Each structure stands twice: as C-alpha cells, then as structure tokens.
C-alpha cells in the first residue's frame, strides 16, 4: 500500500512520485519549496549587502525561520536545493557582532524598564502587587500588560 509522506494519505491505488508525494501534495509542496528557496536566497543577498545592524538581525531571523521550514521537507526525505549560506561570514565583523548584542540588550532593557514602570505605578495606586505576576509562565511583556489592564479595570470600576 502506498502512502504520501506529506499528508499521510494511503491506498492501494494512490499514485505517488519518486519522493512519495501524492498528486495533491505535489501541487503544494514543490512550489512552496521553490518559493521558499528563492526567498531565502533573496534575503541572504540583502543580508550580505546591508550595513545596518538591525536590518541584518531581522533578515538573519527571517532566514533562519525559512530554513527551518525547509528542513521539515528534508525530514520527510523530500529533496530541497542546497543553499550555500554562511551566516558566520556575514557577521564576522566584530563591530556587527557587538552591534547585534547591543540591539538585543536594548530590547531587553526596554522591556525591563516598561515592567518596572508598570509595577511602580501599580504599587503607588493600589499597594501590593497581585500574586499572579509571580507565575513562571508570565513573561516580562505579559506582566507589564497585565498590570496595565488591571489598572484600567480598577479605573473603570472606580468611575461607575
């Protein structure tokens, strides 16, 4: 019995190609691989050309996400073109590397400052912070947003 490696469809009369894809999946998978490969190569070209660290970082993140999606095909033994991509070479410049570290640190610093501001504001208005914020599942952004929503809710209740 033949089986499509992508959708899992199986049957005695199911036709699959040499990569074990049914006709329906062939119509979806091969164009997707082609489009993602072209997109990855385009992003890589732009990544090598740009000098702006923030743009480099976002392009590198996009590249890695797309390559990860292509790996899903490889995991099912569907051939994907070899991509000659060397991210280490793009970020070999120590100035670029330190700029990228600064960008990430700045992003975390902004999140931390936003959280501190929200916590201070809540403390001034309502005293003790709610116990829910100490849950390990809450991230920095979630806590800040949660506290802001609580304060808005308190304000609405106070007005009514």
N, C-alpha and C. Protein backbone atom coordinates (compact mmCIF):
# COMPACT_ATOMS: atom_id res chain seq x y z
N UNK A 1 0.85 -1.17 0.00
CA UNK A 1 0.00 0.00 0.00
C UNK A 1 0.90 1.24 0.00
N UNK A 2 0.59 2.16 -0.88
CA UNK A 2 1.39 3.38 -0.99
C UNK A 2 0.87 4.44 -0.04
N UNK A 3 1.81 5.30 0.38
CA UNK A 3 1.45 6.34 1.35
C UNK A 3 2.18 7.63 1.01
N UNK A 4 1.48 8.75 1.06
CA UNK A 4 2.08 10.07 0.84
C UNK A 4 2.80 10.48 2.11
N UNK A 5 4.07 10.84 1.98
CA UNK A 5 4.86 11.20 3.17
C UNK A 5 4.45 12.55 3.75
N UNK A 6 3.77 13.37 2.95
CA UNK A 6 3.42 14.71 3.44
C UNK A 6 2.06 14.72 4.13
N UNK A 7 1.04 14.25 3.47
CA UNK A 7 -0.31 14.32 4.05
C UNK A 7 -0.72 13.03 4.77
N UNK A 8 0.01 11.94 4.50
CA UNK A 8 -0.29 10.68 5.17
C UNK A 8 -1.38 9.87 4.48
N UNK A 9 -1.92 10.38 3.38
CA UNK A 9 -2.95 9.66 2.63
C UNK A 9 -2.37 8.34 2.15
N UNK A 10 -3.16 7.27 2.24
CA UNK A 10 -2.65 5.97 1.79
C UNK A 10 -3.75 5.19 1.06
N UNK A 11 -3.30 4.30 0.22
CA UNK A 11 -4.25 3.48 -0.53
C UNK A 11 -3.54 2.62 -1.55
N UNK A 12 -4.22 1.59 -1.97
CA UNK A 12 -3.65 0.67 -2.95
C UNK A 12 -3.48 1.36 -4.30
N UNK A 13 -4.44 2.19 -4.67
CA UNK A 13 -4.41 2.83 -5.97
C UNK A 13 -3.86 4.26 -5.93
N UNK A 14 -3.35 4.67 -4.78
CA UNK A 14 -2.80 6.02 -4.66
C UNK A 14 -1.51 6.11 -5.47
N UNK A 15 -1.42 7.14 -6.30
CA UNK A 15 -0.20 7.35 -7.06
C UNK A 15 0.69 8.31 -6.30
N UNK A 16 1.95 7.94 -6.18
CA UNK A 16 2.94 8.82 -5.55
C UNK A 16 4.14 8.93 -6.48
N UNK A 17 4.84 10.03 -6.39
CA UNK A 17 6.03 10.20 -7.24
C UNK A 17 7.26 9.59 -6.56
N UNK A 18 8.43 9.84 -7.10
CA UNK A 18 9.67 9.24 -6.57
C UNK A 18 9.99 9.71 -5.15
N UNK A 19 9.39 10.84 -4.74
CA UNK A 19 9.58 11.35 -3.37
C UNK A 19 8.44 10.95 -2.45
N UNK A 20 7.58 10.05 -2.94
CA UNK A 20 6.43 9.56 -2.18
C UNK A 20 5.41 10.65 -1.84
N UNK A 21 5.18 11.55 -2.79
CA UNK A 21 4.17 12.58 -2.64
C UNK A 21 2.99 12.28 -3.56
N UNK A 22 1.78 12.42 -3.03
CA UNK A 22 0.59 12.24 -3.86
C UNK A 22 0.43 13.45 -4.79
N UNK A 23 -0.37 13.36 -5.84
CA UNK A 23 -0.52 14.48 -6.77
C UNK A 23 -0.98 15.78 -6.10
N UNK A 24 -1.86 15.66 -5.12
CA UNK A 24 -2.36 16.84 -4.41
C UNK A 24 -1.22 17.55 -3.67
N UNK A 25 -0.39 16.79 -2.99
CA UNK A 25 0.73 17.38 -2.24
C UNK A 25 1.83 17.88 -3.18
N UNK A 26 2.00 17.22 -4.33
CA UNK A 26 2.98 17.67 -5.30
C UNK A 26 2.67 19.10 -5.74
N UNK A 27 1.37 19.39 -5.92
CA UNK A 27 0.95 20.73 -6.35
C UNK A 27 1.24 21.79 -5.29
N UNK A 28 1.30 21.40 -4.03
CA UNK A 28 1.55 22.35 -2.94
C UNK A 28 3.02 22.40 -2.54
N UNK A 29 3.61 21.23 -2.38
CA UNK A 29 4.95 21.14 -1.80
C UNK A 29 6.04 21.69 -2.73
N UNK A 30 6.05 21.26 -3.98
CA UNK A 30 7.14 21.68 -4.87
C UNK A 30 7.15 23.20 -5.12
N UNK A 31 5.99 23.84 -5.36
CA UNK A 31 6.02 25.30 -5.50
C UNK A 31 6.44 26.00 -4.20
N UNK A 32 6.04 25.44 -3.05
CA UNK A 32 6.42 26.03 -1.78
C UNK A 32 7.93 25.95 -1.57
N UNK A 33 8.51 24.81 -1.87
CA UNK A 33 9.97 24.66 -1.74
C UNK A 33 10.68 25.66 -2.65
N UNK A 34 10.19 25.78 -3.88
CA UNK A 34 10.81 26.69 -4.84
C UNK A 34 10.71 28.14 -4.33
N UNK A 35 9.52 28.54 -3.88
CA UNK A 35 9.31 29.91 -3.42
C UNK A 35 10.16 30.21 -2.18
N UNK A 36 10.18 29.28 -1.23
CA UNK A 36 10.97 29.50 -0.02
C UNK A 36 12.46 29.56 -0.33
N UNK A 37 12.93 28.71 -1.24
CA UNK A 37 14.34 28.72 -1.62
C UNK A 37 14.71 30.05 -2.25
N UNK A 38 13.88 30.53 -3.16
CA UNK A 38 14.14 31.83 -3.79
C UNK A 38 14.12 32.95 -2.75
N UNK A 39 13.17 32.89 -1.82
CA UNK A 39 13.07 33.92 -0.78
C UNK A 39 14.31 33.91 0.12
N UNK A 40 14.77 32.72 0.50
CA UNK A 40 15.95 32.59 1.34
C UNK A 40 17.16 33.18 0.63
N UNK A 41 17.33 32.85 -0.63
CA UNK A 41 18.47 33.38 -1.39
C UNK A 41 18.40 34.90 -1.53
N UNK A 42 17.18 35.42 -1.74
CA UNK A 42 16.99 36.87 -1.83
C UNK A 42 17.34 37.55 -0.50
N UNK A 43 16.86 37.00 0.60
CA UNK A 43 17.17 37.55 1.92
C UNK A 43 18.66 37.50 2.21
N UNK A 44 19.28 36.40 1.84
CA UNK A 44 20.72 36.24 2.07
C UNK A 44 21.50 37.30 1.29
N UNK A 45 21.09 37.53 0.06
CA UNK A 45 21.75 38.56 -0.76
C UNK A 45 21.61 39.93 -0.10
N UNK A 46 20.39 40.26 0.34
CA UNK A 46 20.17 41.54 1.02
C UNK A 46 20.96 41.62 2.32
N UNK A 47 21.05 40.51 3.03
CA UNK A 47 21.79 40.46 4.29
C UNK A 47 23.26 40.78 4.08
N UNK A 48 23.83 40.23 3.01
CA UNK A 48 25.24 40.49 2.72
C UNK A 48 25.48 41.93 2.29
N UNK A 49 24.48 42.55 1.67
CA UNK A 49 24.64 43.90 1.15
C UNK A 49 24.43 44.99 2.20
N UNK A 50 23.58 44.76 3.17
CA UNK A 50 23.23 45.81 4.11
C UNK A 50 24.32 46.02 5.17
N UNK A 51 24.39 47.24 5.64
CA UNK A 51 25.35 47.59 6.69
C UNK A 51 24.64 47.93 8.00
N UNK A 52 23.32 47.98 7.98
CA UNK A 52 22.54 48.38 9.15
C UNK A 52 22.34 47.16 10.06
N UNK A 53 22.89 47.20 11.28
CA UNK A 53 22.81 46.03 12.16
C UNK A 53 21.40 45.53 12.45
N UNK A 54 20.44 46.44 12.66
CA UNK A 54 19.07 46.00 12.96
C UNK A 54 18.46 45.26 11.77
N UNK A 55 18.77 45.75 10.57
CA UNK A 55 18.26 45.09 9.36
C UNK A 55 18.92 43.72 9.23
N UNK A 56 20.22 43.65 9.51
CA UNK A 56 20.93 42.37 9.45
C UNK A 56 20.30 41.37 10.40
N UNK A 57 20.02 41.82 11.61
CA UNK A 57 19.44 40.92 12.61
C UNK A 57 18.08 40.41 12.18
N UNK A 58 17.22 41.30 11.70
CA UNK A 58 15.89 40.85 11.30
C UNK A 58 15.95 39.94 10.07
N UNK A 59 16.83 40.25 9.12
CA UNK A 59 16.98 39.38 7.96
C UNK A 59 17.52 38.00 8.36
N UNK A 60 18.46 37.99 9.29
CA UNK A 60 19.01 36.71 9.76
C UNK A 60 17.92 35.88 10.44
N UNK A 61 17.07 36.53 11.24
CA UNK A 61 15.97 35.82 11.89
C UNK A 61 14.99 35.25 10.87
N UNK A 62 14.69 36.05 9.84
CA UNK A 62 13.78 35.58 8.79
C UNK A 62 14.41 34.39 8.06
N UNK A 63 15.69 34.53 7.74
CA UNK A 63 16.41 33.45 7.06
C UNK A 63 16.35 32.15 7.84
N UNK A 64 16.65 32.23 9.12
CA UNK A 64 16.66 31.03 9.95
C UNK A 64 15.27 30.40 10.04
N UNK A 65 14.24 31.23 10.13
CA UNK A 65 12.87 30.70 10.19
C UNK A 65 12.50 29.99 8.90
N UNK A 66 12.88 30.57 7.76
CA UNK A 66 12.56 29.96 6.47
C UNK A 66 13.35 28.67 6.27
N UNK A 67 14.61 28.68 6.67
CA UNK A 67 15.43 27.47 6.55
C UNK A 67 14.85 26.36 7.42
N UNK A 68 14.35 26.74 8.59
CA UNK A 68 13.71 25.77 9.48
C UNK A 68 12.49 25.14 8.80
N UNK A 69 11.72 25.95 8.08
CA UNK A 69 10.55 25.42 7.37
C UNK A 69 10.98 24.47 6.26
N UNK A 70 12.08 24.79 5.58
CA UNK A 70 12.59 23.89 4.54
C UNK A 70 13.09 22.57 5.13
N UNK A 71 13.59 22.62 6.34
CA UNK A 71 14.07 21.39 7.00
C UNK A 71 12.95 20.39 7.24
N UNK A 72 11.72 20.89 7.38
CA UNK A 72 10.58 19.99 7.57
C UNK A 72 10.40 19.10 6.35
N UNK A 73 10.68 19.65 5.18
CA UNK A 73 10.61 18.84 3.97
C UNK A 73 11.73 17.81 3.96
N UNK A 74 12.92 18.26 4.32
CA UNK A 74 14.06 17.33 4.34
C UNK A 74 13.82 16.19 5.33
N UNK A 75 13.17 16.48 6.44
CA UNK A 75 12.89 15.46 7.44
C UNK A 75 12.01 14.35 6.86
N UNK A 76 11.20 14.68 5.85
CA UNK A 76 10.34 13.68 5.21
C UNK A 76 10.99 13.15 3.93
N UNK A 77 12.28 13.42 3.77
CA UNK A 77 13.08 12.95 2.63
C UNK A 77 12.59 13.52 1.30
N UNK A 78 12.08 14.75 1.34
CA UNK A 78 11.71 15.45 0.12
C UNK A 78 12.90 16.36 -0.21
N UNK A 79 13.48 16.23 -1.39
CA UNK A 79 14.69 16.98 -1.70
C UNK A 79 14.48 18.50 -1.72
N UNK A 80 15.42 19.18 -1.11
CA UNK A 80 15.44 20.64 -1.07
C UNK A 80 16.79 21.06 -1.65
N UNK A 81 16.82 22.10 -2.50
CA UNK A 81 18.10 22.52 -3.07
C UNK A 81 19.10 22.91 -1.98
N UNK A 82 20.36 22.62 -2.23
CA UNK A 82 21.41 23.02 -1.29
C UNK A 82 21.53 24.54 -1.30
N UNK A 83 21.54 25.12 -0.12
CA UNK A 83 21.67 26.57 0.00
C UNK A 83 23.06 26.87 0.54
N UNK A 84 23.83 27.58 -0.23
CA UNK A 84 25.19 27.92 0.17
C UNK A 84 25.13 29.22 0.98
N UNK A 85 24.81 29.08 2.26
CA UNK A 85 24.62 30.24 3.13
C UNK A 85 25.56 30.12 4.32
N UNK A 86 26.32 31.19 4.54
CA UNK A 86 27.25 31.21 5.67
C UNK A 86 26.97 32.46 6.50
N UNK A 87 26.15 32.30 7.53
CA UNK A 87 25.81 33.46 8.36
C UNK A 87 27.00 33.93 9.19
N UNK A 88 27.88 33.00 9.55
CA UNK A 88 29.06 33.43 10.31
C UNK A 88 29.90 34.40 9.50
N UNK A 89 29.99 34.17 8.20
CA UNK A 89 30.76 35.07 7.34
C UNK A 89 30.15 36.46 7.28
N UNK A 90 28.82 36.52 7.31
CA UNK A 90 28.13 37.82 7.26
C UNK A 90 28.35 38.58 8.55
N UNK A 91 28.40 37.86 9.67
CA UNK A 91 28.55 38.51 10.97
C UNK A 91 29.98 38.41 11.50
N UNK A 92 30.93 38.18 10.63
CA UNK A 92 32.33 38.03 11.06
C UNK A 92 32.91 39.33 11.59
N UNK A 93 32.42 40.44 11.08
CA UNK A 93 32.89 41.74 11.52
C UNK A 93 32.53 41.92 13.00
N UNK A 94 33.53 42.17 13.84
CA UNK A 94 33.26 42.27 15.28
C UNK A 94 32.38 43.46 15.60
N UNK A 95 32.46 44.51 14.81
CA UNK A 95 31.60 45.68 15.03
C UNK A 95 30.14 45.27 14.85
N UNK A 96 29.85 44.48 13.80
CA UNK A 96 28.49 44.00 13.57
C UNK A 96 28.02 43.14 14.74
N UNK A 97 28.88 42.24 15.17
CA UNK A 97 28.51 41.33 16.26
C UNK A 97 28.20 42.11 17.53
N UNK A 98 29.04 43.10 17.86
CA UNK A 98 28.78 43.86 19.07
C UNK A 98 27.52 44.72 18.92
N UNK A 99 27.25 45.20 17.72
CA UNK A 99 26.02 45.97 17.48
C UNK A 99 24.79 45.10 17.69
N UNK A 100 24.88 43.85 17.21
CA UNK A 100 23.74 42.95 17.38
C UNK A 100 23.49 42.65 18.85
N UNK A 101 24.56 42.48 19.60
CA UNK A 101 24.41 42.23 21.04
C UNK A 101 23.77 43.45 21.69
N UNK A 102 24.21 44.65 21.30
CA UNK A 102 23.63 45.88 21.85
C UNK A 102 22.14 45.96 21.55
N UNK A 103 21.75 45.62 20.32
CA UNK A 103 20.33 45.67 19.93
C UNK A 103 19.52 44.75 20.83
N UNK A 104 20.01 43.53 21.04
CA UNK A 104 19.27 42.58 21.88
C UNK A 104 19.20 43.06 23.32
N UNK A 105 20.32 43.60 23.84
CA UNK A 105 20.34 44.10 25.21
C UNK A 105 19.39 45.28 25.35
N UNK A 106 19.39 46.18 24.36
CA UNK A 106 18.49 47.33 24.40
C UNK A 106 17.03 46.88 24.41
N UNK A 107 16.71 45.87 23.62
CA UNK A 107 15.33 45.38 23.58
C UNK A 107 14.93 44.85 24.96
N UNK A 108 15.82 44.09 25.61
CA UNK A 108 15.51 43.57 26.94
C UNK A 108 15.46 44.70 27.97
N UNK A 109 16.33 45.69 27.81
CA UNK A 109 16.34 46.83 28.74
C UNK A 109 15.01 47.57 28.64
N UNK A 110 14.52 47.79 27.41
CA UNK A 110 13.24 48.48 27.23
C UNK A 110 12.11 47.70 27.88
N UNK A 111 12.10 46.37 27.70
CA UNK A 111 11.07 45.52 28.33
C UNK A 111 11.15 45.65 29.86
N UNK A 112 12.37 45.61 30.38
CA UNK A 112 12.57 45.72 31.83
C UNK A 112 12.10 47.06 32.37
N UNK A 113 12.42 48.13 31.65
CA UNK A 113 12.00 49.46 32.09
C UNK A 113 10.49 49.60 32.03
N UNK A 114 9.87 49.03 31.00
CA UNK A 114 8.41 49.07 30.88
C UNK A 114 7.77 48.33 32.05
N UNK A 115 8.34 47.18 32.40
CA UNK A 115 7.83 46.40 33.52
C UNK A 115 8.00 47.16 34.83
N UNK A 116 9.16 47.73 35.05
CA UNK A 116 9.42 48.47 36.29
C UNK A 116 8.44 49.63 36.42
N UNK A 117 8.23 50.35 35.32
CA UNK A 117 7.29 51.48 35.34
C UNK A 117 5.89 51.00 35.70
N UNK A 118 5.45 49.92 35.07
CA UNK A 118 4.10 49.39 35.34
C UNK A 118 3.98 48.94 36.80
N UNK A 119 5.02 48.28 37.33
CA UNK A 119 4.98 47.81 38.72
C UNK A 119 4.97 48.97 39.69
N UNK A 120 5.80 49.99 39.44
CA UNK A 120 5.83 51.16 40.31
C UNK A 120 4.49 51.89 40.32
N UNK A 121 3.92 52.05 39.14
CA UNK A 121 2.64 52.73 39.01
C UNK A 121 1.54 51.97 39.76
N UNK A 122 1.53 50.65 39.62
CA UNK A 122 0.53 49.83 40.30
C UNK A 122 0.72 49.92 41.81
N UNK A 123 1.97 49.84 42.26
CA UNK A 123 2.26 49.93 43.70
C UNK A 123 1.77 51.25 44.28
N UNK A 124 2.01 52.36 43.59
CA UNK A 124 1.59 53.67 44.08
C UNK A 124 0.08 53.75 44.23
N UNK A 125 -0.63 53.23 43.24
CA UNK A 125 -2.09 53.37 43.24
C UNK A 125 -2.80 52.35 44.11
N UNK A 126 -2.31 51.08 44.09
CA UNK A 126 -3.09 50.01 44.71
C UNK A 126 -2.35 49.21 45.76
N UNK A 127 -1.13 49.53 46.06
CA UNK A 127 -0.40 48.80 47.09
C UNK A 127 0.23 47.53 46.57
N UNK A 128 -0.10 46.42 47.23
CA UNK A 128 0.53 45.13 46.94
C UNK A 128 0.25 44.67 45.50
N UNK A 129 1.31 44.13 44.88
CA UNK A 129 1.17 43.57 43.53
C UNK A 129 0.39 42.27 43.58
N UNK A 130 -0.42 41.97 42.56
CA UNK A 130 -1.18 40.71 42.55
C UNK A 130 -0.24 39.50 42.46
N UNK A 131 -0.63 38.42 43.13
CA UNK A 131 0.19 37.20 43.16
C UNK A 131 0.38 36.57 41.78
N UNK A 132 -0.57 36.78 40.86
CA UNK A 132 -0.50 36.15 39.54
C UNK A 132 0.77 36.51 38.79
N UNK A 133 1.34 37.69 39.06
CA UNK A 133 2.51 38.11 38.28
C UNK A 133 3.75 37.30 38.60
N UNK A 134 3.71 36.55 39.69
CA UNK A 134 4.88 35.75 40.06
C UNK A 134 4.86 34.36 39.42
N UNK A 135 3.85 34.11 38.59
CA UNK A 135 3.76 32.83 37.90
C UNK A 135 4.90 32.72 36.90
N UNK A 136 5.60 31.57 36.85
CA UNK A 136 6.72 31.43 35.92
C UNK A 136 6.30 31.52 34.46
N UNK A 137 5.02 31.29 34.16
CA UNK A 137 4.58 31.33 32.77
C UNK A 137 4.44 32.76 32.25
N UNK A 138 4.44 33.74 33.13
CA UNK A 138 4.30 35.12 32.69
C UNK A 138 5.66 35.71 32.33
N UNK A 139 5.75 36.22 31.12
CA UNK A 139 6.98 36.88 30.69
C UNK A 139 6.94 38.35 31.05
N UNK A 140 8.03 39.05 30.80
CA UNK A 140 8.13 40.46 31.13
C UNK A 140 7.03 41.28 30.48
N UNK A 141 6.83 41.09 29.18
CA UNK A 141 5.80 41.85 28.47
C UNK A 141 4.42 41.51 29.00
N UNK A 142 4.17 40.23 29.29
CA UNK A 142 2.87 39.80 29.79
C UNK A 142 2.54 40.45 31.12
N UNK A 143 3.51 40.53 32.02
CA UNK A 143 3.28 41.13 33.34
C UNK A 143 2.95 42.60 33.18
N UNK A 144 3.74 43.32 32.38
CA UNK A 144 3.50 44.75 32.18
C UNK A 144 2.10 44.97 31.61
N UNK A 145 1.73 44.20 30.61
CA UNK A 145 0.41 44.33 30.01
C UNK A 145 -0.70 43.98 30.99
N UNK A 146 -0.47 42.95 31.79
CA UNK A 146 -1.45 42.51 32.78
C UNK A 146 -1.70 43.61 33.82
N UNK A 147 -0.61 44.20 34.30
CA UNK A 147 -0.74 45.27 35.29
C UNK A 147 -1.47 46.48 34.70
N UNK A 148 -1.18 46.81 33.47
CA UNK A 148 -1.86 47.94 32.82
C UNK A 148 -3.35 47.66 32.69
N UNK A 149 -3.70 46.41 32.29
CA UNK A 149 -5.11 46.05 32.17
C UNK A 149 -5.81 46.10 33.53
N UNK A 150 -5.13 45.63 34.58
CA UNK A 150 -5.71 45.69 35.93
C UNK A 150 -5.97 47.13 36.35
N UNK A 151 -5.01 48.00 36.06
CA UNK A 151 -5.19 49.42 36.44
C UNK A 151 -6.36 50.04 35.67
N UNK A 152 -6.49 49.72 34.38
CA UNK A 152 -7.62 50.22 33.60
C UNK A 152 -8.94 49.71 34.16
N UNK A 153 -8.94 48.43 34.56
CA UNK A 153 -10.14 47.83 35.13
C UNK A 153 -10.51 48.52 36.44
N UNK A 154 -9.50 48.78 37.29
CA UNK A 154 -9.75 49.50 38.55
C UNK A 154 -10.32 50.88 38.27
N UNK A 155 -9.79 51.56 37.27
CA UNK A 155 -10.27 52.90 36.92
C UNK A 155 -11.72 52.85 36.44
N UNK A 156 -12.06 51.86 35.61
CA UNK A 156 -13.43 51.73 35.13
C UNK A 156 -14.39 51.46 36.30
N UNK A 157 -13.97 50.59 37.22
CA UNK A 157 -14.83 50.26 38.36
C UNK A 157 -14.98 51.47 39.27
N UNK A 158 -13.94 52.26 39.40
CA UNK A 158 -13.98 53.44 40.26
C UNK A 158 -14.94 54.49 39.69
N UNK A 159 -14.97 54.59 38.35
CA UNK A 159 -15.83 55.58 37.70
C UNK A 159 -17.30 55.20 37.78
N UNK A 160 -17.60 53.91 37.90
CA UNK A 160 -19.02 53.50 37.93
C UNK A 160 -19.55 53.44 39.33
